[in-house]
C-alpha atoms as a PDB file:
ATOM      1  CA  MET A   1       5.484  -5.034  18.434  1.00  0.00           C
ATOM      2  CA  THR A   2       3.289  -6.443  15.430  1.00  0.00           C
ATOM      3  CA  ALA A   3       2.756  -5.146  11.937  1.00  0.00           C
ATOM      4  CA  PRO A   4       4.106  -1.828  11.011  1.00  0.00           C
ATOM      5  CA  ARG A   5       1.223   1.037  10.581  1.00  0.00           C
ATOM      6  CA  SER A   6       0.504   4.592  11.495  1.00  0.00           C
ATOM      7  CA  PHE A   7      -1.206   5.495  14.985  1.00  0.00           C
ATOM      8  CA  PHE A   8      -3.099   8.817  16.490  1.00  0.00           C
ATOM      9  CA  ILE A   9      -1.870   9.690  19.905  1.00  0.00           C
ATOM     10  CA  ALA A  10      -4.484  10.567  22.176  1.00  0.00           C
ATOM     11  CA  GLY A  11      -4.167  11.623  26.601  1.00  0.00           C
ATOM     12  CA  THR A  12      -6.700  12.238  29.140  1.00  0.00           C
ATOM     13  CA  ASP A  13      -5.313  15.166  29.631  1.00  0.00           C
ATOM     14  CA  THR A  14      -2.278  17.773  29.232  1.00  0.00           C
ATOM     15  CA  GLU A  15       1.481  16.769  30.885  1.00  0.00           C
ATOM     16  CA  ILE A  16       0.438  13.242  30.657  1.00  0.00           C
ATOM     17  CA  GLY A  17       3.216  11.442  29.369  1.00  0.00           C
ATOM     18  CA  LYS A  18       1.906  11.449  25.804  1.00  0.00           C
ATOM     19  CA  THR A  19       4.795  12.921  24.073  1.00  0.00           C
ATOM     20  CA  PHE A  20       7.127  10.636  26.320  1.00  0.00           C
ATOM     21  CA  THR A  21       4.636   7.257  25.520  1.00  0.00           C
ATOM     22  CA  THR A  22       5.584   7.935  22.032  1.00  0.00           C
ATOM     23  CA  THR A  23       9.345   8.570  22.568  1.00  0.00           C
ATOM     24  CA  LEU A  24       9.013   4.931  23.984  1.00  0.00           C
ATOM     25  CA  LEU A  25       6.873   3.372  21.616  1.00  0.00           C
ATOM     26  CA  LEU A  26       8.950   4.334  18.718  1.00  0.00           C
ATOM     27  CA  ARG A  27      11.874   2.720  20.422  1.00  0.00           C
ATOM     28  CA  ALA A  28       9.644  -0.495  20.123  1.00  0.00           C
ATOM     29  CA  ALA A  29       9.491  -0.284  16.398  1.00  0.00           C
ATOM     30  CA  ARG A  30      13.128   0.420  15.572  1.00  0.00           C
ATOM     31  CA  LEU A  31      14.467  -2.016  18.265  1.00  0.00           C
ATOM     32  CA  ALA A  32      11.722  -4.666  16.306  1.00  0.00           C
ATOM     33  CA  GLY A  33      13.443  -3.576  13.053  1.00  0.00           C
ATOM     34  CA  LEU A  34      11.162  -1.329  11.746  1.00  0.00           C
ATOM     35  CA  THR A  35      11.599   1.962  10.440  1.00  0.00           C
ATOM     36  CA  ALA A  36       9.455   4.327  12.677  1.00  0.00           C
ATOM     37  CA  LEU A  37       8.484   8.729  12.658  1.00  0.00           C
ATOM     38  CA  GLY A  38       6.805  10.811  15.444  1.00  0.00           C
ATOM     39  CA  MET A  39       4.151  13.822  13.906  1.00  0.00           C
ATOM     40  CA  LYS A  40       3.107  16.382  16.530  1.00  0.00           C
ATOM     41  CA  PRO A  41       1.289  18.247  13.631  1.00  0.00           C
ATOM     42  CA  VAL A  42       0.607  21.203  16.362  1.00  0.00           C
ATOM     43  CA  ALA A  43       2.820  22.289  19.275  1.00  0.00           C
ATOM     44  CA  ALA A  44       2.423  25.522  21.157  1.00  0.00           C
ATOM     45  CA  GLY A  45       5.319  27.330  24.006  1.00  0.00           C
ATOM     46  CA  VAL A  46       9.338  27.424  22.311  1.00  0.00           C
ATOM     47  CA  ASP A  47      12.600  28.323  24.093  1.00  0.00           C
ATOM     48  CA  ALA A  48      15.244  30.613  23.116  1.00  0.00           C
ATOM     49  CA  ALA A  49      16.777  28.852  20.368  1.00  0.00           C
ATOM     50  CA  GLY A  50      12.658  28.336  18.846  1.00  0.00           C
ATOM     51  CA  ARG A  51      12.837  24.730  19.468  1.00  0.00           C
ATOM     52  CA  ASN A  52       9.621  22.840  21.357  1.00  0.00           C
ATOM     53  CA  ASP A  53      11.044  20.082  23.651  1.00  0.00           C
ATOM     54  CA  ASP A  54       8.054  17.505  22.149  1.00  0.00           C
ATOM     55  CA  VAL A  55       8.931  18.310  18.794  1.00  0.00           C
ATOM     56  CA  GLU A  56      12.514  17.663  19.592  1.00  0.00           C
ATOM     57  CA  ALA A  57      12.289  14.163  21.662  1.00  0.00           C
ATOM     58  CA  ILE A  58       9.681  13.071  19.017  1.00  0.00           C
ATOM     59  CA  LEU A  59      12.600  14.339  16.567  1.00  0.00           C
ATOM     60  CA  ALA A  60      15.666  12.116  18.217  1.00  0.00           C
ATOM     61  CA  ALA A  61      13.410   9.315  18.688  1.00  0.00           C
ATOM     62  CA  GLY A  62      12.341   8.603  15.110  1.00  0.00           C
ATOM     63  CA  SER A  63      14.324   5.948  12.614  1.00  0.00           C
ATOM     64  CA  PHE A  64      16.132   9.284  10.554  1.00  0.00           C
ATOM     65  CA  GLN A  65      15.540  13.202  10.576  1.00  0.00           C
ATOM     66  CA  PRO A  66      13.072  14.024   8.245  1.00  0.00           C
ATOM     67  CA  ALA A  67      12.129  17.241   7.449  1.00  0.00           C
ATOM     68  CA  ARG A  68      10.908  19.552  10.563  1.00  0.00           C
ATOM     69  CA  GLU A  69       7.469  20.805   8.651  1.00  0.00           C
ATOM     70  CA  ASP A  70       6.300  17.641   7.930  1.00  0.00           C
ATOM     71  CA  VAL A  71       6.913  16.119  11.657  1.00  0.00           C
ATOM     72  CA  ASN A  72       5.664  20.343  13.103  1.00  0.00           C
ATOM     73  CA  PRO A  73       3.294  21.382  10.461  1.00  0.00           C
ATOM     74  CA  PHE A  74       2.287  24.147  13.481  1.00  0.00           C
ATOM     75  CA  LEU A  75       4.348  25.490  15.874  1.00  0.00           C
ATOM     76  CA  TYR A  76       3.018  28.312  17.918  1.00  0.00           C
ATOM     77  CA  GLN A  77       5.367  31.234  19.979  1.00  0.00           C
ATOM     78  CA  ALA A  78       3.444  31.101  23.157  1.00  0.00           C
ATOM     79  CA  PRO A  79       3.150  28.287  25.760  1.00  0.00           C
ATOM     80  CA  VAL A  80      -0.548  28.590  25.794  1.00  0.00           C
ATOM     81  CA  SER A  81      -3.627  26.650  24.293  1.00  0.00           C
ATOM     82  CA  PRO A  82      -3.460  26.014  20.564  1.00  0.00           C
ATOM     83  CA  HIS A  83      -5.927  28.047  19.952  1.00  0.00           C
ATOM     84  CA  ILE A  84      -5.204  31.189  21.590  1.00  0.00           C
ATOM     85  CA  ALA A  85      -1.109  31.021  20.183  1.00  0.00           C
ATOM     86  CA  ALA A  86      -2.970  30.465  16.680  1.00  0.00           C
ATOM     87  CA  ARG A  87      -4.994  34.029  16.931  1.00  0.00           C
ATOM     88  CA  ASP A  88      -2.511  35.573  18.178  1.00  0.00           C
ATOM     89  CA  GLU A  89       0.133  34.952  15.384  1.00  0.00           C
ATOM     90  CA  GLY A  90      -2.521  35.195  12.731  1.00  0.00           C
ATOM     91  CA  ARG A  91      -1.862  31.222  10.944  1.00  0.00           C
ATOM     92  CA  PRO A  92      -5.036  29.676  12.350  1.00  0.00           C
ATOM     93  CA  VAL A  93      -4.275  25.420  11.891  1.00  0.00           C
ATOM     94  CA  ASP A  94      -5.350  23.758   8.553  1.00  0.00           C
ATOM     95  CA  LEU A  95      -6.235  19.709   8.705  1.00  0.00           C
ATOM     96  CA  ALA A  96      -5.464  20.182   5.249  1.00  0.00           C
ATOM     97  CA  LEU A  97      -1.960  20.927   5.150  1.00  0.00           C
ATOM     98  CA  ILE A  98      -1.512  18.389   8.174  1.00  0.00           C
ATOM     99  CA  GLY A  99      -2.783  15.729   6.204  1.00  0.00           C
ATOM    100  CA  THR A 100      -0.263  16.319   3.447  1.00  0.00           C
ATOM    101  CA  ALA A 101       2.325  16.698   5.837  1.00  0.00           C
ATOM    102  CA  TYR A 102       1.361  12.808   7.244  1.00  0.00           C
ATOM    103  CA  ALA A 103       1.087  11.641   4.155  1.00  0.00           C
ATOM    104  CA  ARG A 104       5.009  12.458   2.604  1.00  0.00           C
ATOM    105  CA  LEU A 105       6.140  10.994   6.467  1.00  0.00           C
ATOM    106  CA  ALA A 106       3.706   7.381   5.539  1.00  0.00           C
ATOM    107  CA  SER A 107       5.521   7.327   2.395  1.00  0.00           C
ATOM    108  CA  GLN A 108       9.242   6.746   4.297  1.00  0.00           C
ATOM    109  CA  ALA A 109       8.414   4.753   7.232  1.00  0.00           C
ATOM    110  CA  ASP A 110       6.768   1.221   8.141  1.00  0.00           C
ATOM    111  CA  LEU A 111       5.101   3.001  11.095  1.00  0.00           C
ATOM    112  CA  VAL A 112       4.847   6.915  11.768  1.00  0.00           C
ATOM    113  CA  LEU A 113       3.066   7.990  15.336  1.00  0.00           C
ATOM    114  CA  VAL A 114       0.677  10.777  15.804  1.00  0.00           C
ATOM    115  CA  GLU A 115       0.813  12.727  18.785  1.00  0.00           C
ATOM    116  CA  GLY A 116      -2.300  14.843  19.443  1.00  0.00           C
ATOM    117  CA  VAL A 117      -1.540  18.167  21.951  1.00  0.00           C
ATOM    118  CA  GLY A 118      -3.447  18.174  24.929  1.00  0.00           C
ATOM    119  CA  GLY A 119      -6.052  16.559  25.880  1.00  0.00           C
ATOM    120  CA  PHE A 120      -7.881  14.748  23.400  1.00  0.00           C
ATOM    121  CA  ARG A 121     -10.339  18.177  23.058  1.00  0.00           C
ATOM    122  CA  ALA A 122      -8.127  20.404  23.036  1.00  0.00           C
ATOM    123  CA  PRO A 123      -9.367  23.491  21.280  1.00  0.00           C
ATOM    124  CA  LEU A 124      -7.317  23.948  18.174  1.00  0.00           C
ATOM    125  CA  SER A 125      -9.678  26.997  16.913  1.00  0.00           C
ATOM    126  CA  ASP A 126     -12.795  28.249  18.561  1.00  0.00           C
ATOM    127  CA  THR A 127     -14.379  25.777  15.846  1.00  0.00           C
ATOM    128  CA  LEU A 128     -12.284  22.504  16.088  1.00  0.00           C
ATOM    129  CA  ASP A 129     -10.417  20.420  18.142  1.00  0.00           C
ATOM    130  CA  GLY A 130      -7.975  17.431  18.750  1.00  0.00           C
ATOM    131  CA  ALA A 131     -10.812  14.771  17.603  1.00  0.00           C
ATOM    132  CA  ASP A 132     -10.786  16.989  14.886  1.00  0.00           C
ATOM    133  CA  LEU A 133      -7.563  16.373  13.987  1.00  0.00           C
ATOM    134  CA  ALA A 134      -7.787  12.486  14.983  1.00  0.00           C
ATOM    135  CA  ARG A 135     -11.064  12.050  12.261  1.00  0.00           C
ATOM    136  CA  ALA A 136      -9.757  14.312   9.598  1.00  0.00           C
ATOM    137  CA  LEU A 137      -6.320  11.467  10.033  1.00  0.00           C
ATOM    138  CA  ALA A 138      -8.663   9.178  10.735  1.00  0.00           C
ATOM    139  CA  LEU A 139      -5.942   6.799  12.440  1.00  0.00           C
ATOM    140  CA  PRO A 140      -6.467   3.769  14.934  1.00  0.00           C
ATOM    141  CA  VAL A 141      -6.148   5.904  17.942  1.00  0.00           C
ATOM    142  CA  ILE A 142      -4.142   4.755  21.386  1.00  0.00           C
ATOM    143  CA  LEU A 143      -5.415   6.150  24.640  1.00  0.00           C
ATOM    144  CA  VAL A 144      -2.423   7.590  27.116  1.00  0.00           C
ATOM    145  CA  VAL A 145      -4.473   7.489  30.344  1.00  0.00           C
ATOM    146  CA  GLY A 146      -1.946   9.475  32.840  1.00  0.00           C
ATOM    147  CA  LEU A 147      -1.935   7.172  36.101  1.00  0.00           C
ATOM    148  CA  ARG A 148      -2.694   9.789  39.078  1.00  0.00           C
ATOM    149  CA  LEU A 149      -5.360  11.054  41.114  1.00  0.00           C
ATOM    150  CA  GLY A 150      -8.688  11.262  38.671  1.00  0.00           C
ATOM    151  CA  CYS A 151      -7.330   9.203  36.137  1.00  0.00           C
ATOM    152  CA  LEU A 152     -10.066   7.036  35.648  1.00  0.00           C
ATOM    153  CA  ASN A 153     -12.637   9.934  35.575  1.00  0.00           C
ATOM    154  CA  HIS A 154     -11.202  11.221  32.617  1.00  0.00           C
ATOM    155  CA  ALA A 155      -9.645   8.083  31.220  1.00  0.00           C
ATOM    156  CA  MET A 156     -13.843   6.819  31.037  1.00  0.00           C
ATOM    157  CA  LEU A 157     -14.806  10.014  28.855  1.00  0.00           C
ATOM    158  CA  THR A 158     -12.035  10.329  26.387  1.00  0.00           C
ATOM    159  CA  ALA A 159     -12.930   6.540  25.383  1.00  0.00           C
ATOM    160  CA  GLU A 160     -16.088   7.498  25.203  1.00  0.00           C
ATOM    161  CA  ALA A 161     -15.391  11.234  23.552  1.00  0.00           C
ATOM    162  CA  ILE A 162     -13.242   8.733  21.495  1.00  0.00           C
ATOM    163  CA  ALA A 163     -16.129   5.892  20.178  1.00  0.00           C
ATOM    164  CA  THR A 164     -18.884   8.518  20.019  1.00  0.00           C
ATOM    165  CA  ARG A 165     -16.704   9.900  16.470  1.00  0.00           C
ATOM    166  CA  ARG A 166     -16.295   6.659  15.106  1.00  0.00           C
ATOM    167  CA  LEU A 167     -12.931   5.968  15.198  1.00  0.00           C
ATOM    168  CA  ARG A 168     -11.465   2.598  15.978  1.00  0.00           C
ATOM    169  CA  LEU A 169      -9.661   2.741  19.747  1.00  0.00           C
ATOM    170  CA  THR A 170      -7.261   0.204  19.351  1.00  0.00           C
ATOM    171  CA  GLY A 171      -5.661   0.161  23.241  1.00  0.00           C
ATOM    172  CA  TRP A 172      -4.699   2.357  26.230  1.00  0.00           C
ATOM    173  CA  ILE A 173      -0.927   3.107  27.669  1.00  0.00           C
ATOM    174  CA  GLY A 174      -0.618   3.960  31.979  1.00  0.00           C
ATOM    175  CA  ASN A 175       2.099   6.802  32.372  1.00  0.00           C
ATOM    176  CA  HIS A 176       2.855   6.660  36.238  1.00  0.00           C
ATOM    177  CA  VAL A 177       2.765  10.568  36.234  1.00  0.00           C
ATOM    178  CA  ASP A 178       2.582  10.728  40.155  1.00  0.00           C
ATOM    179  CA  PRO A 179       4.613   8.473  42.229  1.00  0.00           C
ATOM    180  CA  ALA A 180       3.137   9.432  44.971  1.00  0.00           C
ATOM    181  CA  MET A 181      -0.571   7.824  44.116  1.00  0.00           C
ATOM    182  CA  ALA A 182      -2.565   6.665  46.745  1.00  0.00           C
ATOM    183  CA  ARG A 183      -3.730   2.715  45.436  1.00  0.00           C
ATOM    184  CA  GLN A 184      -2.083   2.379  41.897  1.00  0.00           C
ATOM    185  CA  GLU A 185      -2.843  -0.839  41.804  1.00  0.00           C
ATOM    186  CA  ASP A 186      -6.464  -0.718  42.662  1.00  0.00           C
ATOM    187  CA  ASN A 187      -7.155   2.340  39.686  1.00  0.00           C
ATOM    188  CA  VAL A 188      -4.959   0.169  36.968  1.00  0.00           C
ATOM    189  CA  ARG A 189      -7.855  -3.134  37.763  1.00  0.00           C
ATOM    190  CA  TYR A 190     -10.700  -0.592  37.269  1.00  0.00           C
ATOM    191  CA  LEU A 191      -9.117   0.973  34.283  1.00  0.00           C
ATOM    192  CA  GLN A 192      -8.384  -3.295  32.634  1.00  0.00           C
ATOM    193  CA  GLU A 193     -11.541  -4.097  34.133  1.00  0.00           C
ATOM    194  CA  HIS A 194     -14.046  -1.216  33.034  1.00  0.00           C
ATOM    195  CA  LEU A 195     -11.733  -0.249  29.805  1.00  0.00           C
ATOM    196  CA  HIS A 196     -12.286  -3.336  28.479  1.00  0.00           C
ATOM    197  CA  ASN A 197     -15.534  -4.302  29.136  1.00  0.00           C
ATOM    198  CA  ASP A 198     -17.287  -0.984  27.771  1.00  0.00           C
ATOM    199  CA  PHE A 199     -14.528  -0.546  24.714  1.00  0.00           C
ATOM    200  CA  ASP A 200     -12.983  -4.188  24.049  1.00  0.00           C
ATOM    201  CA  LEU A 201      -9.922  -1.725  24.852  1.00  0.00           C
ATOM    202  CA  PRO A 202      -6.709  -3.505  26.010  1.00  0.00           C
ATOM    203  CA  CYS A 203      -4.154  -2.329  27.686  1.00  0.00           C
ATOM    204  CA  LEU A 204      -0.675  -2.386  25.287  1.00  0.00           C
ATOM    205  CA  GLY A 205       1.257  -1.926  28.736  1.00  0.00           C
ATOM    206  CA  LEU A 206       2.407   0.327  32.053  1.00  0.00           C
ATOM    207  CA  ILE A 207       5.274   2.493  31.909  1.00  0.00           C
ATOM    208  CA  PRO A 208       7.126   3.346  35.163  1.00  0.00           C
ATOM    209  CA  HIS A 209       7.836   6.487  36.630  1.00  0.00           C
ATOM    210  CA  VAL A 210      11.119   7.666  35.760  1.00  0.00           C
ATOM    211  CA  PRO A 211      12.309  10.827  36.912  1.00  0.00           C
ATOM    212  CA  PRO A 212      15.132  13.042  35.698  1.00  0.00           C
ATOM    213  CA  GLY A 213      18.545  12.624  35.683  1.00  0.00           C
ATOM    214  CA  PRO A 214      21.521  10.607  35.097  1.00  0.00           C
ATOM    215  CA  GLY A 215      20.176   6.630  34.313  1.00  0.00           C
ATOM    216  CA  ARG A 216      17.401   8.162  32.848  1.00  0.00           C
ATOM    217  CA  ASP A 217      18.160   6.704  29.236  1.00  0.00           C
ATOM    218  CA  GLY A 218      20.031   3.849  29.920  1.00  0.00           C
ATOM    219  CA  CYS A 219      16.244   2.156  31.094  1.00  0.00           C
ATOM    220  CA  LEU A 220      14.680   3.128  28.513  1.00  0.00           C
ATOM    221  CA  ASP A 221      14.889   0.693  26.099  1.00  0.00           C
ATOM    222  CA  ASP A 222      13.874  -2.503  28.414  1.00  0.00           C
ATOM    223  CA  ILE A 223      10.683   0.263  29.211  1.00  0.00           C
ATOM    224  CA  ALA A 224      10.174   0.127  25.745  1.00  0.00           C
ATOM    225  CA  ARG A 225      10.227  -3.593  24.582  1.00  0.00           C
ATOM    226  CA  THR A 226       7.049  -4.006  27.148  1.00  0.00           C
ATOM    227  CA  LEU A 227       5.359  -2.014  25.296  1.00  0.00           C
ATOM    228  CA  HIS A 228       3.044  -3.250  21.954  1.00  0.00           C
ATOM    229  CA  LEU A 229       0.977  -1.585  19.184  1.00  0.00           C
ATOM    230  CA  PRO A 230      -2.136  -3.632  18.755  1.00  0.00           C
ATOM    231  CA  GLY A 231      -2.074  -5.756  15.700  1.00  0.00           C
END
């Protein structure tokens, strides 16, 4: 772990492990003695108790429990794209409100990790998307790449989209979401070479596939220690 700061966690797509990666980085920060909090500004889809799995995981991974509305200012009921859920509920995403919530979290911790929603350009409204959220917060970006078929194209296009918006892209983390992916090492080698050559982007760690079930939690500290945040 390096000096305390805040980062925006962007993903190459949905269901590629942004939340899992965020919680591991929070765990790594806590193991290093830092006070760390996560933030999921926009989430869609709740269970019978009105809770969202990603938000709950991020709350549980922090050093303490801050105000829930600061961690997740916009929670929508239906598990659909946020721009649809926000329109249906008549409650549009407000970037200024998110910025205020982030500032409150940042005043309480050494490190705040802000997780985006879906892929980097997932729509938040008819005029806003995840890229606008990242630009509004103006945080350095860590890119999470879901290691599966198609990830090379997704990673390069997402890195290009982030760089085009003049956001500081500081590193990438590969998450082995598909244990059956063919030629995993060759794909990782391509990403390491081309993300470095094209964007000066270092690999901050690789997360192995961790299936759900008994014993899962026991390995998380060891995985977290293999990850690091940029200086």
